[in-house]
Amino acid sequence: MSGSLFSELALIASRAVDIVYGEDFDLMPQTRGADVNMPTTADPDRPATSVPVKAAFIEAYARAFSGARAKQGTTNEMAAHSSNRPMMSVERSALPYDLRSGDLVRRCKTGFVYRLAEPRREDTPRLEVDLNLISNAG
């Protein structure tokens, strides 16, 4: 951060988020290798974490105006209303390395494993990443 008053306050707020909402996540970095069509494998350059990382889990929420769609007498859903995925919000300074799309995380509270989709924000102390559920065999 640049050292401005705003960036200092953003960092304080970020740490408060982890105190109130933080839970443990295990990081499992993945790589694709030379062939993008092959399944991902563990990334030898970024080892899995032995100590969980604190992050806030943000559950997916319902769409606005969602309801029955393909029955007689109902209208199509409104444009510009879409579903979303669960998210993880983590303080960048808590990460041992940069997270990448395709990495895996395990939510320790449930044992569910998620694949990281695209990161959302680049201008705050926190990294927000969309998650795709891979395994719920916790």
Protein backbone atom coordinates (compact mmCIF):
# COMPACT_ATOMS: atom_id res chain seq x y z
CA MET A 1 0.00 0.00 0.00
CA SER A 2 1.11 3.56 -0.54
CA GLY A 3 1.16 4.65 3.11
CA SER A 4 -1.76 7.07 2.77
CA LEU A 5 -4.31 7.45 5.56
CA PHE A 6 -6.87 5.61 3.42
CA SER A 7 -4.56 2.63 2.82
CA GLU A 8 -3.72 2.44 6.53
CA LEU A 9 -7.42 2.43 7.44
CA ALA A 10 -8.14 -0.17 4.74
CA LEU A 11 -5.52 -2.45 6.29
CA ILE A 12 -7.05 -2.01 9.77
CA ALA A 13 -10.50 -2.82 8.36
CA SER A 14 -9.07 -5.85 6.55
CA ARG A 15 -7.67 -7.26 9.78
CA ALA A 16 -11.01 -6.64 11.50
CA VAL A 17 -12.73 -8.72 8.80
CA ASP A 18 -10.47 -11.67 9.64
CA ILE A 19 -11.07 -11.27 13.39
CA VAL A 20 -14.86 -11.26 12.96
CA TYR A 21 -15.42 -13.49 9.91
CA GLY A 22 -12.11 -15.28 9.37
CA GLU A 23 -11.89 -19.03 9.20
CA ASP A 24 -9.11 -21.43 8.26
CA PHE A 25 -8.36 -22.45 4.68
CA ASP A 26 -5.66 -24.83 3.45
CA LEU A 27 -3.95 -23.73 0.23
CA MET A 28 -3.15 -26.35 -2.41
CA PRO A 29 -1.45 -24.64 -5.38
CA GLN A 30 -1.96 -26.30 -8.76
CA THR A 31 -0.29 -26.12 -12.16
CA ARG A 32 -1.33 -27.28 -15.61
CA GLY A 33 2.08 -28.04 -17.07
CA ALA A 34 2.66 -27.83 -20.81
CA ASP A 35 -0.70 -29.24 -21.94
CA VAL A 36 -3.73 -27.15 -20.97
CA ASN A 37 -6.01 -30.14 -21.60
CA MET A 38 -4.39 -32.23 -18.88
CA PRO A 39 -5.74 -32.20 -15.31
CA THR A 40 -4.02 -29.89 -12.87
CA THR A 41 -1.36 -31.26 -10.53
CA ALA A 42 0.35 -29.98 -7.40
CA ASP A 43 2.65 -27.04 -8.15
CA PRO A 44 6.20 -27.92 -6.96
CA ASP A 45 7.20 -24.22 -6.92
CA ARG A 46 4.46 -23.30 -4.44
CA PRO A 47 4.11 -25.92 -1.69
CA ALA A 48 0.81 -26.57 0.06
CA THR A 49 0.51 -24.65 3.32
CA SER A 50 1.21 -26.49 6.55
CA VAL A 51 -0.56 -23.76 8.55
CA PRO A 52 -4.06 -22.71 7.43
CA VAL A 53 -4.59 -19.17 6.12
CA LYS A 54 -7.35 -17.00 7.67
CA ALA A 55 -9.93 -15.81 5.16
CA ALA A 56 -13.59 -14.81 5.11
CA PHE A 57 -15.95 -17.17 3.28
CA ILE A 58 -18.81 -15.46 1.44
CA GLU A 59 -21.66 -17.81 0.62
CA ALA A 60 -23.41 -17.59 -2.76
CA TYR A 61 -26.70 -15.73 -2.52
CA ALA A 62 -29.96 -16.00 -4.44
CA ARG A 63 -30.61 -14.05 -7.59
CA ALA A 64 -32.95 -11.09 -7.59
CA PHE A 65 -36.42 -11.88 -8.93
CA SER A 66 -35.56 -15.56 -9.42
CA GLY A 67 -38.29 -18.11 -9.55
CA ALA A 68 -40.10 -20.42 -11.88
CA ARG A 69 -38.90 -20.02 -15.45
CA ALA A 70 -40.09 -22.59 -17.94
CA LYS A 71 -43.79 -22.92 -17.15
CA GLN A 72 -46.80 -21.50 -18.85
CA GLY A 73 -47.81 -18.17 -17.38
CA THR A 74 -44.39 -17.07 -16.15
CA THR A 75 -42.16 -14.50 -17.75
CA ASN A 76 -38.45 -14.94 -18.33
CA GLU A 77 -36.10 -13.68 -15.68
CA MET A 78 -35.01 -10.09 -16.00
CA ALA A 79 -31.87 -9.31 -17.93
CA ALA A 80 -28.78 -8.30 -15.93
CA HIS A 81 -29.68 -10.49 -12.97
CA SER A 82 -27.32 -13.41 -12.69
CA SER A 83 -26.29 -16.00 -10.18
CA ASN A 84 -22.98 -15.93 -8.39
CA ARG A 85 -20.47 -18.26 -6.82
CA PRO A 86 -19.17 -18.44 -3.28
CA MET A 87 -16.12 -16.27 -2.61
CA MET A 88 -13.09 -16.17 -0.39
CA SER A 89 -11.68 -12.86 0.83
CA VAL A 90 -8.13 -13.02 2.17
CA GLU A 91 -5.60 -10.41 3.26
CA ARG A 92 -2.78 -10.37 0.71
CA SER A 93 -0.05 -10.09 3.34
CA ALA A 94 -1.25 -13.38 4.92
CA LEU A 95 -0.50 -15.32 1.73
CA PRO A 96 2.85 -17.09 1.36
CA TYR A 97 2.62 -16.65 -2.44
CA ASP A 98 0.25 -15.28 -5.08
CA LEU A 99 -2.90 -17.30 -5.62
CA ARG A 100 -3.69 -18.24 -9.22
CA SER A 101 -6.80 -19.32 -11.06
CA GLY A 102 -7.03 -23.10 -10.78
CA ASP A 103 -5.47 -23.38 -7.32
CA LEU A 104 -7.40 -25.44 -4.76
CA VAL A 105 -8.43 -24.41 -1.25
CA ARG A 106 -9.98 -26.54 1.46
CA ARG A 107 -12.37 -24.84 3.84
CA CYS A 108 -11.35 -26.39 7.18
CA LYS A 109 -14.75 -25.74 8.79
CA THR A 110 -16.57 -28.02 6.32
CA GLY A 111 -13.80 -29.94 4.53
CA PHE A 112 -15.20 -28.76 1.18
CA VAL A 113 -12.61 -28.26 -1.58
CA TYR A 114 -12.93 -25.37 -4.03
CA ARG A 115 -11.07 -24.44 -7.21
CA LEU A 116 -10.17 -20.75 -7.41
CA ALA A 117 -11.72 -18.95 -10.34
CA GLU A 118 -10.70 -15.42 -11.25
CA PRO A 119 -9.51 -12.92 -8.62
CA ARG A 120 -11.74 -9.85 -8.34
CA ARG A 121 -9.93 -6.89 -6.75
CA GLU A 122 -6.39 -5.66 -7.19
CA ASP A 123 -6.50 -2.28 -5.42
CA THR A 124 -7.21 -3.20 -1.79
CA PRO A 125 -5.36 -5.08 0.97
CA ARG A 126 -7.75 -8.01 0.42
CA LEU A 127 -7.87 -10.44 -2.47
CA GLU A 128 -11.38 -11.58 -3.36
CA VAL A 129 -11.61 -14.78 -5.38
CA ASP A 130 -14.61 -16.61 -6.83
CA LEU A 131 -14.74 -20.29 -5.85
CA ASN A 132 -16.07 -23.34 -7.66
CA LEU A 133 -17.05 -26.32 -5.48
CA ILE A 134 -14.99 -29.39 -6.41
CA SER A 135 -15.69 -31.78 -3.52
CA ASN A 136 -18.11 -31.68 -0.63
CA ALA A 137 -16.90 -34.92 0.91
CA GLY A 138 -15.79 -33.21 4.08
